[in-house]
Amino acid sequence: MTTHETTVRSHADVPTARGERWRKQLAPHLGRKCEVVRDGDTITLLLASGSCAMTYDATPLRLDAGGPDQDTLAQVQHVIGVHLERFASEDGLRVAWHRA
């Protein structure tokens, strides 16, 4: 498993009733290009030098992103946000990141 040193973090609480579906779709899609780690109810995507943990209970879908610097964090946010919004376009899903 790849480890990443994280110094900057952000999160997004995405309101959706289908969060489990979206994270299960995102993991194998991005898993072709990055490592996917499953730990209980958390799926973590290890991208280049950043990561994003996805958890879902009932609502919302919780995204916790991190990276060694602001540029890497922005790249992680972009990759995750664009893919989720595209997958859930019929639901009008929007990802709004907040600095942790």
N, C-alpha and C. Protein backbone atom coordinates (compact mmCIF):
# COMPACT_ATOMS: atom_id res chain seq x y z
N MET A 1 0.84 -1.18 0.00
CA MET A 1 0.00 0.00 0.00
C MET A 1 0.89 1.24 0.00
N THR A 2 0.51 2.22 -0.79
CA THR A 2 1.23 3.47 -0.86
C THR A 2 0.79 4.37 0.29
N THR A 3 1.75 5.10 0.87
CA THR A 3 1.38 6.05 1.91
C THR A 3 1.71 7.45 1.42
N HIS A 4 0.96 8.41 1.91
CA HIS A 4 1.13 9.79 1.50
C HIS A 4 1.25 10.66 2.73
N GLU A 5 2.23 11.54 2.72
CA GLU A 5 2.33 12.52 3.80
C GLU A 5 1.33 13.63 3.50
N THR A 6 0.51 13.93 4.48
CA THR A 6 -0.54 14.92 4.27
C THR A 6 -0.33 16.11 5.19
N THR A 7 -0.32 17.28 4.60
CA THR A 7 -0.20 18.49 5.41
C THR A 7 -1.38 19.43 5.23
N VAL A 8 -2.11 19.28 4.13
CA VAL A 8 -3.31 20.09 3.91
C VAL A 8 -4.49 19.16 3.64
N ARG A 9 -5.65 19.54 4.18
CA ARG A 9 -6.83 18.69 4.09
C ARG A 9 -8.06 19.53 3.74
N SER A 10 -9.03 18.87 3.16
CA SER A 10 -10.33 19.49 2.92
C SER A 10 -11.38 18.39 2.99
N HIS A 11 -12.63 18.80 3.09
CA HIS A 11 -13.71 17.82 3.13
C HIS A 11 -14.91 18.38 2.38
N ALA A 12 -15.78 17.46 2.01
CA ALA A 12 -17.05 17.82 1.38
C ALA A 12 -18.10 16.86 1.90
N ASP A 13 -19.21 17.39 2.33
CA ASP A 13 -20.38 16.60 2.70
C ASP A 13 -21.39 16.77 1.57
N VAL A 14 -21.53 15.74 0.76
CA VAL A 14 -22.34 15.81 -0.45
C VAL A 14 -23.72 15.23 -0.18
N PRO A 15 -24.76 16.06 -0.15
CA PRO A 15 -26.09 15.55 0.10
C PRO A 15 -26.59 14.68 -1.06
N THR A 16 -26.83 13.43 -0.77
CA THR A 16 -27.35 12.50 -1.77
C THR A 16 -27.90 11.27 -1.06
N ALA A 17 -28.96 10.76 -1.59
CA ALA A 17 -29.54 9.52 -1.04
C ALA A 17 -28.88 8.30 -1.66
N ARG A 18 -28.00 8.54 -2.67
CA ARG A 18 -27.37 7.42 -3.36
C ARG A 18 -25.84 7.45 -3.24
N GLY A 19 -25.36 7.93 -2.11
CA GLY A 19 -23.91 8.03 -1.90
C GLY A 19 -23.18 6.72 -2.00
N GLU A 20 -23.79 5.65 -1.51
CA GLU A 20 -23.15 4.34 -1.59
C GLU A 20 -22.95 3.94 -3.05
N ARG A 21 -23.94 4.20 -3.87
CA ARG A 21 -23.82 3.89 -5.30
C ARG A 21 -22.68 4.66 -5.93
N TRP A 22 -22.61 5.96 -5.65
CA TRP A 22 -21.61 6.80 -6.31
C TRP A 22 -20.20 6.43 -5.87
N ARG A 23 -19.99 6.14 -4.60
CA ARG A 23 -18.62 5.80 -4.18
C ARG A 23 -18.23 4.42 -4.70
N LYS A 24 -19.20 3.49 -4.78
CA LYS A 24 -18.89 2.17 -5.33
C LYS A 24 -18.59 2.26 -6.83
N GLN A 25 -19.17 3.20 -7.52
CA GLN A 25 -18.90 3.40 -8.94
C GLN A 25 -17.55 4.09 -9.13
N LEU A 26 -17.25 5.05 -8.27
CA LEU A 26 -16.00 5.81 -8.40
C LEU A 26 -14.78 4.95 -8.10
N ALA A 27 -14.86 4.09 -7.09
CA ALA A 27 -13.69 3.29 -6.68
C ALA A 27 -13.13 2.43 -7.82
N PRO A 28 -13.92 1.60 -8.48
CA PRO A 28 -13.34 0.81 -9.55
C PRO A 28 -12.97 1.64 -10.79
N HIS A 29 -13.72 2.72 -11.02
CA HIS A 29 -13.41 3.57 -12.17
C HIS A 29 -12.02 4.18 -12.02
N LEU A 30 -11.76 4.81 -10.86
CA LEU A 30 -10.43 5.41 -10.65
C LEU A 30 -9.40 4.37 -10.25
N GLY A 31 -9.86 3.21 -9.78
CA GLY A 31 -8.95 2.14 -9.37
C GLY A 31 -8.08 1.60 -10.50
N ARG A 32 -8.44 1.91 -11.72
CA ARG A 32 -7.59 1.53 -12.85
C ARG A 32 -6.32 2.37 -12.90
N LYS A 33 -6.36 3.55 -12.23
CA LYS A 33 -5.22 4.47 -12.28
C LYS A 33 -4.63 4.76 -10.90
N CYS A 34 -5.29 4.27 -9.84
CA CYS A 34 -4.77 4.52 -8.50
C CYS A 34 -5.10 3.34 -7.60
N GLU A 35 -4.49 3.33 -6.43
CA GLU A 35 -4.75 2.27 -5.46
C GLU A 35 -6.04 2.57 -4.70
N VAL A 36 -6.84 1.54 -4.46
CA VAL A 36 -8.08 1.65 -3.71
C VAL A 36 -7.93 0.82 -2.45
N VAL A 37 -8.18 1.45 -1.29
CA VAL A 37 -8.06 0.76 0.00
C VAL A 37 -9.43 0.75 0.66
N ARG A 38 -9.88 -0.43 1.02
CA ARG A 38 -11.17 -0.56 1.73
C ARG A 38 -10.88 -0.92 3.18
N ASP A 39 -11.47 -0.15 4.09
CA ASP A 39 -11.29 -0.39 5.52
C ASP A 39 -12.64 -0.16 6.19
N GLY A 40 -13.36 -1.23 6.44
CA GLY A 40 -14.70 -1.10 7.02
C GLY A 40 -15.61 -0.33 6.10
N ASP A 41 -16.18 0.76 6.59
CA ASP A 41 -17.11 1.58 5.81
C ASP A 41 -16.41 2.67 5.01
N THR A 42 -15.09 2.68 5.00
CA THR A 42 -14.34 3.73 4.30
C THR A 42 -13.63 3.16 3.08
N ILE A 43 -13.78 3.85 1.96
CA ILE A 43 -13.03 3.54 0.75
C ILE A 43 -12.10 4.72 0.51
N THR A 44 -10.80 4.45 0.43
CA THR A 44 -9.82 5.51 0.21
C THR A 44 -9.15 5.32 -1.14
N LEU A 45 -9.10 6.40 -1.91
CA LEU A 45 -8.42 6.41 -3.19
C LEU A 45 -7.07 7.09 -3.00
N LEU A 46 -5.99 6.38 -3.35
CA LEU A 46 -4.64 6.94 -3.23
C LEU A 46 -4.20 7.38 -4.61
N LEU A 47 -4.29 8.68 -4.84
CA LEU A 47 -3.96 9.29 -6.13
C LEU A 47 -2.56 9.86 -6.07
N ALA A 48 -1.83 9.79 -7.16
CA ALA A 48 -0.48 10.38 -7.27
C ALA A 48 0.17 10.63 -5.91
N SER A 49 0.02 11.82 -5.35
CA SER A 49 0.61 12.09 -4.04
C SER A 49 -0.43 12.59 -3.05
N GLY A 50 -1.69 12.37 -3.34
CA GLY A 50 -2.77 12.77 -2.45
C GLY A 50 -3.75 11.62 -2.27
N SER A 51 -4.78 11.86 -1.49
CA SER A 51 -5.75 10.81 -1.23
C SER A 51 -7.13 11.40 -0.97
N CYS A 52 -8.14 10.53 -1.06
CA CYS A 52 -9.50 10.92 -0.72
C CYS A 52 -10.20 9.72 -0.09
N ALA A 53 -10.65 9.88 1.15
CA ALA A 53 -11.42 8.86 1.83
C ALA A 53 -12.89 9.17 1.66
N MET A 54 -13.68 8.14 1.34
CA MET A 54 -15.11 8.31 1.12
C MET A 54 -15.86 7.44 2.12
N THR A 55 -16.74 8.07 2.87
CA THR A 55 -17.59 7.33 3.80
C THR A 55 -19.04 7.70 3.54
N TYR A 56 -19.91 6.73 3.80
CA TYR A 56 -21.32 6.98 3.58
C TYR A 56 -22.11 6.20 4.62
N ASP A 57 -23.03 6.89 5.26
CA ASP A 57 -23.90 6.24 6.22
C ASP A 57 -25.30 6.26 5.62
N ALA A 58 -26.05 7.27 5.88
CA ALA A 58 -27.38 7.41 5.27
C ALA A 58 -27.35 8.60 4.31
N THR A 59 -26.89 9.71 4.76
CA THR A 59 -26.64 10.90 3.96
C THR A 59 -25.86 11.84 4.85
N PRO A 60 -24.95 12.56 4.46
CA PRO A 60 -24.43 12.72 3.12
C PRO A 60 -23.28 11.76 2.83
N LEU A 61 -22.79 11.83 1.59
CA LEU A 61 -21.55 11.17 1.23
C LEU A 61 -20.43 12.08 1.73
N ARG A 62 -19.55 11.56 2.57
CA ARG A 62 -18.46 12.36 3.17
C ARG A 62 -17.17 12.09 2.42
N LEU A 63 -16.53 13.15 1.94
CA LEU A 63 -15.25 13.08 1.25
C LEU A 63 -14.21 13.79 2.08
N ASP A 64 -13.10 13.14 2.36
CA ASP A 64 -11.99 13.75 3.09
C ASP A 64 -10.75 13.63 2.22
N ALA A 65 -10.29 14.77 1.70
CA ALA A 65 -9.15 14.80 0.78
C ALA A 65 -7.92 15.35 1.49
N GLY A 66 -6.75 14.92 1.03
CA GLY A 66 -5.52 15.43 1.60
C GLY A 66 -4.38 15.35 0.61
N GLY A 67 -3.36 16.14 0.87
CA GLY A 67 -2.17 16.15 0.04
C GLY A 67 -1.04 16.88 0.74
N PRO A 68 0.15 16.78 0.19
CA PRO A 68 1.31 17.42 0.82
C PRO A 68 1.35 18.93 0.66
N ASP A 69 0.59 19.46 -0.31
CA ASP A 69 0.58 20.91 -0.54
C ASP A 69 -0.75 21.30 -1.19
N GLN A 70 -0.97 22.58 -1.30
CA GLN A 70 -2.24 23.10 -1.83
C GLN A 70 -2.49 22.69 -3.27
N ASP A 71 -1.45 22.66 -4.09
CA ASP A 71 -1.63 22.28 -5.50
C ASP A 71 -2.08 20.83 -5.64
N THR A 72 -1.47 19.95 -4.87
CA THR A 72 -1.85 18.54 -4.91
C THR A 72 -3.27 18.36 -4.40
N LEU A 73 -3.60 19.04 -3.31
CA LEU A 73 -4.95 18.97 -2.76
C LEU A 73 -5.98 19.43 -3.80
N ALA A 74 -5.68 20.52 -4.49
CA ALA A 74 -6.59 21.02 -5.53
C ALA A 74 -6.77 20.00 -6.64
N GLN A 75 -5.71 19.29 -6.98
CA GLN A 75 -5.80 18.27 -8.02
C GLN A 75 -6.67 17.10 -7.57
N VAL A 76 -6.51 16.66 -6.32
CA VAL A 76 -7.34 15.59 -5.78
C VAL A 76 -8.81 16.02 -5.77
N GLN A 77 -9.07 17.22 -5.29
CA GLN A 77 -10.44 17.74 -5.27
C GLN A 77 -11.05 17.76 -6.67
N HIS A 78 -10.28 18.20 -7.63
CA HIS A 78 -10.77 18.28 -9.01
C HIS A 78 -11.11 16.90 -9.55
N VAL A 79 -10.20 15.95 -9.42
CA VAL A 79 -10.42 14.60 -9.95
C VAL A 79 -11.66 13.97 -9.33
N ILE A 80 -11.75 14.00 -8.01
CA ILE A 80 -12.88 13.39 -7.33
C ILE A 80 -14.18 14.12 -7.67
N GLY A 81 -14.16 15.43 -7.57
CA GLY A 81 -15.36 16.23 -7.83
C GLY A 81 -15.90 16.06 -9.23
N VAL A 82 -15.04 16.14 -10.23
CA VAL A 82 -15.47 16.03 -11.62
C VAL A 82 -16.09 14.67 -11.89
N HIS A 83 -15.45 13.62 -11.41
CA HIS A 83 -15.98 12.28 -11.66
C HIS A 83 -17.31 12.06 -10.95
N LEU A 84 -17.41 12.44 -9.70
CA LEU A 84 -18.67 12.26 -8.98
C LEU A 84 -19.80 13.06 -9.63
N GLU A 85 -19.52 14.29 -9.98
CA GLU A 85 -20.56 15.12 -10.59
C GLU A 85 -20.99 14.56 -11.94
N ARG A 86 -20.07 13.98 -12.68
CA ARG A 86 -20.41 13.38 -13.98
C ARG A 86 -21.26 12.12 -13.77
N PHE A 87 -20.84 11.25 -12.83
CA PHE A 87 -21.61 10.03 -12.58
C PHE A 87 -23.02 10.35 -12.12
N ALA A 88 -23.17 11.37 -11.29
CA ALA A 88 -24.47 11.69 -10.68
C ALA A 88 -25.14 12.89 -11.33
N SER A 89 -24.84 13.14 -12.58
CA SER A 89 -25.40 14.32 -13.25
C SER A 89 -26.92 14.31 -13.26
N GLU A 90 -27.52 13.13 -13.38
CA GLU A 90 -28.99 13.07 -13.39
C GLU A 90 -29.58 13.48 -12.04
N ASP A 91 -28.79 13.37 -10.97
CA ASP A 91 -29.24 13.78 -9.63
C ASP A 91 -28.91 15.25 -9.33
N GLY A 92 -28.14 15.89 -10.22
CA GLY A 92 -27.72 17.27 -9.97
C GLY A 92 -26.72 17.37 -8.82
N LEU A 93 -25.98 16.29 -8.55
CA LEU A 93 -25.01 16.27 -7.45
C LEU A 93 -23.91 17.30 -7.67
N ARG A 94 -23.56 18.03 -6.62
CA ARG A 94 -22.49 19.03 -6.65
C ARG A 94 -21.58 18.81 -5.46
N VAL A 95 -20.28 18.89 -5.69
CA VAL A 95 -19.29 18.72 -4.63
C VAL A 95 -18.73 20.10 -4.27
N ALA A 96 -18.89 20.49 -3.02
CA ALA A 96 -18.36 21.77 -2.52
C ALA A 96 -17.34 21.46 -1.43
N TRP A 97 -16.09 21.73 -1.72
CA TRP A 97 -14.99 21.43 -0.80
C TRP A 97 -14.82 22.55 0.22
N HIS A 98 -14.43 22.16 1.43
CA HIS A 98 -14.15 23.10 2.52
C HIS A 98 -12.82 22.74 3.14
N ARG A 99 -11.96 23.73 3.32
CA ARG A 99 -10.65 23.52 3.91
C ARG A 99 -10.81 23.05 5.36
N ALA A 100 -10.12 21.99 5.72
CA ALA A 100 -10.20 21.44 7.09
C ALA A 100 -9.36 22.24 8.05
